[in-house]
Amino acid sequence: MAPLEFVGSAKLADEPAATGRDMRRVLGLKDGWTGLVTTWTAAVGKLRDVIEGLGIMAGVNGIVGNNTHRKLDVEEFRGFALSDPYAPLIFVNGADAKSAQIFTLAHELAHLWLGDTGEGLSGFQGLQPDGGDVEKFYDQAAAEFLVPAVEIQDAWQGVADTGTAFRNLASRFKVSPVVIGRRAMDLRLVEPEQFFSFYRDYMQNEDRKKQAGTGGGNFYNNQNTRVGRLFASQVIRAAKEGRIGFKEAYDLTGLNGGPFQDYARELGIILP
């Protein structure tokens, strides 16, 4: 197996926006791709599928394994990346809002481009990155990847005077209104006072909302999201071929017995 060339292809001395554009180029995402999906959920799914198509294991889960009583705390972390040229991995806290999850995916993707696993977990608390200049690099690369400067500048004229510009463009780009607002401020489309006023009100409203926490959906589709289809396929094949034991495969996927066999069939793998 050849190493993935994009892992570690960027340097901290590079322009973050250039890294963001290179990420989009390698993933094959065209301008305006987020406008072609109807929901934030579809956008996260689309981006995760494209990322896995590159050979990156990508999981999104808001609970520990399949235990709905053990939720992951967004206040503790939003995601992390393991940068390996042969088996890179991205994990996103699925308890976060969908509009935040897509930014986390892009942020962690930038970790891989820089070839850095990071010493901790990504948080983005209060728009003040935890890791100084390095985390700022990831945020800026992710912002250009998801909301290219050219696209938001072109779109801004049509929404600037609506009073809901941040929310309107958030719907178009499938990111949080906070990301749009920060992008607009950094590109000098709005004054800092306007953005931070919006940010304070937005966060206060978010704090008042209660998490719905409802389950549902197809179990195996959820499993693809939580574990990552690529990762699960590799684990199941390894068990089938005797390279790891089935007990280890059960532990890695959070499934055992019949559900494990059924999930393997869903992935097109027939077990003995």
Protein backbone atom coordinates (compact mmCIF):
# COMPACT_ATOMS: atom_id res chain seq x y z
CA MET A 1 0.00 0.00 0.00
CA ALA A 2 1.38 3.40 -0.99
CA PRO A 3 1.25 6.29 1.50
CA LEU A 4 -1.35 9.00 0.92
CA GLU A 5 0.54 11.95 -0.57
CA PHE A 6 -1.69 14.68 0.85
CA VAL A 7 -0.90 13.71 4.47
CA GLY A 8 1.77 16.16 5.61
CA SER A 9 1.80 17.95 2.24
CA ALA A 10 1.28 21.41 3.83
CA LYS A 11 3.60 23.42 6.05
CA LEU A 12 2.77 25.89 8.79
CA ALA A 13 4.59 28.56 6.78
CA ASP A 14 2.11 28.11 3.92
CA GLU A 15 -0.86 30.39 3.40
CA PRO A 16 -3.81 28.70 5.19
CA ALA A 17 -6.23 29.70 2.43
CA ALA A 18 -4.00 27.99 -0.13
CA THR A 19 -4.15 24.82 1.95
CA GLY A 20 -7.93 25.08 2.10
CA ARG A 21 -8.09 25.36 -1.68
CA ASP A 22 -5.77 22.39 -2.09
CA MET A 23 -7.97 20.33 0.23
CA ARG A 24 -10.97 21.13 -1.95
CA ARG A 25 -9.00 20.30 -5.11
CA VAL A 26 -7.87 16.91 -3.83
CA LEU A 27 -11.39 16.04 -2.67
CA GLY A 28 -12.76 17.08 -6.07
CA LEU A 29 -15.36 19.45 -4.63
CA LYS A 30 -16.51 22.11 -7.08
CA ASP A 31 -17.52 25.66 -6.21
CA GLY A 32 -21.06 25.80 -4.90
CA TRP A 33 -21.24 22.11 -3.96
CA THR A 34 -22.98 22.85 -0.67
CA GLY A 35 -25.81 24.55 -2.55
CA LEU A 36 -26.55 21.26 -4.29
CA VAL A 37 -27.45 19.45 -1.04
CA THR A 38 -30.67 20.35 0.70
CA THR A 39 -29.81 19.93 4.39
CA TRP A 40 -26.92 20.23 6.83
CA THR A 41 -27.19 16.49 7.48
CA ALA A 42 -26.82 15.74 3.78
CA ALA A 43 -23.82 18.08 3.57
CA VAL A 44 -22.05 16.33 6.46
CA GLY A 45 -22.80 12.95 4.89
CA LYS A 46 -21.58 14.07 1.47
CA LEU A 47 -18.33 15.47 2.85
CA ARG A 48 -17.72 12.39 5.00
CA ASP A 49 -18.27 10.10 2.00
CA VAL A 50 -15.82 12.10 -0.13
CA ILE A 51 -13.26 12.07 2.69
CA GLU A 52 -13.55 8.30 3.04
CA GLY A 53 -13.19 8.01 -0.73
CA LEU A 54 -9.65 9.35 -0.29
CA GLY A 55 -8.79 6.54 2.12
CA ILE A 56 -9.41 8.49 5.33
CA MET A 57 -11.40 6.73 8.02
CA ALA A 58 -14.09 9.16 9.19
CA GLY A 59 -16.48 8.58 12.07
CA VAL A 60 -19.20 10.78 13.52
CA ASN A 61 -20.67 9.69 16.84
CA GLY A 62 -22.31 11.47 19.74
CA ILE A 63 -22.30 8.58 22.20
CA VAL A 64 -19.82 6.06 23.59
CA GLY A 65 -20.03 3.10 21.22
CA ASN A 66 -23.74 2.34 20.83
CA ASN A 67 -24.68 3.27 24.41
CA THR A 68 -27.31 6.01 24.14
CA HIS A 69 -26.98 6.68 27.88
CA ARG A 70 -23.34 7.76 27.55
CA LYS A 71 -23.31 10.93 25.47
CA LEU A 72 -20.13 12.69 24.42
CA ASP A 73 -19.81 16.21 25.79
CA VAL A 74 -19.38 18.93 23.17
CA GLU A 75 -17.92 21.15 25.86
CA GLU A 76 -15.04 18.69 26.22
CA PHE A 77 -14.21 18.24 22.53
CA ARG A 78 -15.62 18.53 19.03
CA GLY A 79 -13.24 16.26 17.15
CA PHE A 80 -9.77 14.87 16.67
CA ALA A 81 -7.53 13.52 13.91
CA LEU A 82 -4.85 10.85 13.77
CA SER A 83 -2.40 11.72 11.03
CA ASP A 84 -0.91 8.62 9.45
CA PRO A 85 0.10 8.41 5.76
CA TYR A 86 -1.29 4.87 5.52
CA ALA A 87 -4.35 4.96 7.79
CA PRO A 88 -5.43 8.53 8.66
CA LEU A 89 -8.51 8.94 10.82
CA ILE A 90 -10.94 11.73 11.63
CA PHE A 91 -13.49 11.61 14.44
CA VAL A 92 -16.25 14.18 14.93
CA ASN A 93 -18.42 14.53 18.02
CA GLY A 94 -21.89 13.78 16.67
CA ALA A 95 -23.53 15.42 19.68
CA ASP A 96 -22.64 18.77 18.15
CA ALA A 97 -24.94 20.64 15.77
CA LYS A 98 -24.76 19.49 12.14
CA SER A 99 -23.72 23.00 11.10
CA ALA A 100 -20.77 22.71 13.50
CA GLN A 101 -19.91 19.12 12.55
CA ILE A 102 -19.09 20.07 8.97
CA PHE A 103 -16.61 22.70 10.16
CA THR A 104 -15.03 20.15 12.49
CA LEU A 105 -14.64 17.73 9.58
CA ALA A 106 -12.84 20.42 7.57
CA HIS A 107 -10.74 21.48 10.57
CA GLU A 108 -9.59 17.92 11.23
CA LEU A 109 -8.91 17.44 7.52
CA ALA A 110 -6.50 20.36 7.76
CA HIS A 111 -4.74 18.49 10.59
CA LEU A 112 -4.00 15.71 8.11
CA TRP A 113 -2.75 18.13 5.47
CA LEU A 114 -0.26 19.52 7.97
CA GLY A 115 0.59 16.00 9.08
CA ASP A 116 -0.17 16.79 12.69
CA THR A 117 -2.28 14.60 14.96
CA GLY A 118 -2.38 17.29 17.60
CA GLU A 119 -1.64 16.73 21.25
CA GLY A 120 -5.25 17.12 22.32
CA LEU A 121 -8.79 17.50 21.12
CA SER A 122 -10.27 20.25 18.99
CA GLY A 123 -12.65 22.54 20.80
CA PHE A 124 -12.97 26.00 19.18
CA GLN A 125 -14.34 27.42 22.41
CA GLY A 126 -15.52 30.99 22.08
CA LEU A 127 -13.77 31.34 18.72
CA GLN A 128 -10.48 31.27 20.56
CA PRO A 129 -8.61 28.18 19.28
CA ASP A 130 -6.88 26.11 21.93
CA GLY A 131 -3.54 25.66 20.18
CA GLY A 132 -2.38 29.14 19.19
CA ASP A 133 -1.02 29.70 15.70
CA VAL A 134 -1.34 26.06 14.68
CA GLU A 135 -5.05 25.83 15.51
CA LYS A 136 -5.57 29.20 13.86
CA PHE A 137 -4.02 27.75 10.70
CA TYR A 138 -6.49 24.85 10.78
CA ASP A 139 -9.45 27.17 11.29
CA GLN A 140 -8.42 29.45 8.42
CA ALA A 141 -7.81 26.53 6.07
CA ALA A 142 -11.17 25.03 7.00
CA ALA A 143 -12.91 28.37 6.48
CA GLU A 144 -11.51 28.74 2.97
CA PHE A 145 -12.33 25.10 2.23
CA LEU A 146 -15.99 25.48 3.23
CA VAL A 147 -16.62 29.18 2.52
CA PRO A 148 -14.20 30.32 -0.20
CA ALA A 149 -13.50 34.05 -0.11
CA VAL A 150 -14.54 34.49 -3.74
CA GLU A 151 -17.89 32.79 -3.19
CA ILE A 152 -18.89 34.66 -0.03
CA GLN A 153 -17.81 38.00 -1.49
CA ASP A 154 -19.94 37.37 -4.57
CA ALA A 155 -22.92 36.32 -2.46
CA TRP A 156 -22.60 39.11 0.09
CA GLN A 157 -24.05 41.86 -2.11
CA GLY A 158 -27.37 40.05 -2.31
CA VAL A 159 -27.80 39.65 1.46
CA ALA A 160 -25.84 42.50 3.06
CA ASP A 161 -28.90 44.64 3.72
CA THR A 162 -31.32 41.90 4.73
CA GLY A 163 -30.54 41.93 8.44
CA THR A 164 -30.20 38.14 8.33
CA ALA A 165 -27.10 37.87 6.16
CA PHE A 166 -25.24 35.47 8.44
CA ARG A 167 -28.17 33.05 8.66
CA ASN A 168 -28.98 33.30 4.94
CA LEU A 169 -25.45 32.40 3.92
CA ALA A 170 -25.21 29.74 6.62
CA SER A 171 -28.05 27.94 4.87
CA ARG A 172 -26.29 28.24 1.53
CA PHE A 173 -22.85 27.06 2.70
CA LYS A 174 -24.20 24.56 5.28
CA VAL A 175 -22.10 25.92 8.13
CA SER A 176 -22.93 27.67 11.37
CA PRO A 177 -24.00 31.34 11.16
CA VAL A 178 -21.07 31.99 13.50
CA VAL A 179 -18.66 30.67 10.85
CA ILE A 180 -20.24 32.94 8.25
CA GLY A 181 -20.09 35.91 10.58
CA ARG A 182 -16.46 35.32 11.46
CA ARG A 183 -15.63 34.84 7.78
CA ALA A 184 -17.38 38.10 6.91
CA MET A 185 -15.50 39.94 9.65
CA ASP A 186 -12.12 38.51 8.58
CA LEU A 187 -12.82 39.55 4.98
CA ARG A 188 -13.88 43.02 6.22
CA LEU A 189 -17.44 42.67 4.96
CA VAL A 190 -18.71 43.66 8.42
CA GLU A 191 -17.24 45.53 11.35
CA PRO A 192 -16.02 43.51 14.35
CA GLU A 193 -18.68 45.09 16.59
CA GLN A 194 -21.44 43.77 14.33
CA PHE A 195 -20.09 40.26 14.35
CA PHE A 196 -19.42 40.05 18.10
CA SER A 197 -22.86 41.46 18.90
CA PHE A 198 -24.40 38.76 16.74
CA TYR A 199 -22.12 36.14 18.28
CA ARG A 200 -23.14 36.97 21.85
CA ASP A 201 -26.86 36.84 20.99
CA TYR A 202 -26.47 33.64 19.01
CA MET A 203 -24.60 31.82 21.76
CA GLN A 204 -27.11 32.94 24.38
CA ASN A 205 -29.93 31.53 22.25
CA GLU A 206 -28.01 28.29 21.74
CA ASP A 207 -27.48 27.96 25.48
CA ARG A 208 -31.25 28.18 26.01
CA LYS A 209 -32.00 25.37 23.61
CA LYS A 210 -32.34 21.87 24.91
CA GLN A 211 -30.89 18.93 23.09
CA ALA A 212 -33.68 16.87 21.56
CA GLY A 213 -31.67 13.67 21.97
CA THR A 214 -34.07 11.52 19.98
CA GLY A 215 -32.85 8.40 18.25
CA GLY A 216 -34.22 6.71 15.19
CA GLY A 217 -33.11 5.98 11.68
CA ASN A 218 -31.67 2.83 10.17
CA PHE A 219 -29.33 1.14 12.66
CA TYR A 220 -26.73 0.13 10.09
CA ASN A 221 -26.72 3.53 8.40
CA ASN A 222 -26.14 4.99 11.85
CA GLN A 223 -23.33 2.49 12.36
CA ASN A 224 -21.69 3.65 9.13
CA THR A 225 -21.77 7.17 10.47
CA ARG A 226 -20.56 6.34 13.97
CA VAL A 227 -17.73 3.97 13.12
CA GLY A 228 -17.05 4.92 9.53
CA ARG A 229 -17.76 2.60 6.64
CA LEU A 230 -14.09 2.38 5.62
CA PHE A 231 -12.89 1.56 9.13
CA ALA A 232 -15.64 -1.03 9.72
CA SER A 233 -14.95 -2.74 6.39
CA GLN A 234 -11.24 -3.04 7.18
CA VAL A 235 -11.93 -4.44 10.65
CA ILE A 236 -14.45 -6.99 9.42
CA ARG A 237 -12.19 -8.13 6.58
CA ALA A 238 -9.29 -8.46 9.01
CA ALA A 239 -11.42 -10.67 11.24
CA LYS A 240 -12.60 -12.74 8.29
CA GLU A 241 -9.01 -13.28 7.13
CA GLY A 242 -7.78 -14.17 10.63
CA ARG A 243 -5.52 -11.13 11.01
CA ILE A 244 -7.39 -10.14 14.18
CA GLY A 245 -9.71 -12.08 16.43
CA PHE A 246 -13.48 -11.66 16.29
CA LYS A 247 -13.49 -10.47 19.92
CA GLU A 248 -11.24 -7.57 18.92
CA ALA A 249 -13.44 -6.88 15.89
CA TYR A 250 -16.50 -6.81 18.14
CA ASP A 251 -14.79 -4.35 20.47
CA LEU A 252 -13.70 -2.09 17.60
CA THR A 253 -17.14 -1.92 15.96
CA GLY A 254 -19.27 -2.03 19.09
CA LEU A 255 -21.22 -4.99 17.70
CA ASN A 256 -21.16 -8.71 18.31
CA GLY A 257 -22.87 -11.91 17.27
CA GLY A 258 -25.84 -11.57 14.95
CA PRO A 259 -25.72 -7.77 14.58
CA PHE A 260 -22.03 -8.02 13.62
CA GLN A 261 -22.86 -10.64 10.97
CA ASP A 262 -25.77 -8.55 9.68
CA TYR A 263 -23.66 -5.41 9.50
CA ALA A 264 -20.97 -7.29 7.57
CA ARG A 265 -23.61 -8.31 5.01
CA GLU A 266 -24.76 -4.67 4.77
CA LEU A 267 -21.17 -3.84 3.80
CA GLY A 268 -21.08 -6.64 1.23
CA ILE A 269 -18.85 -8.94 3.32
CA ILE A 270 -20.02 -12.51 3.85
CA LEU A 271 -18.61 -14.11 6.96
CA PRO A 272 -18.24 -17.88 7.43
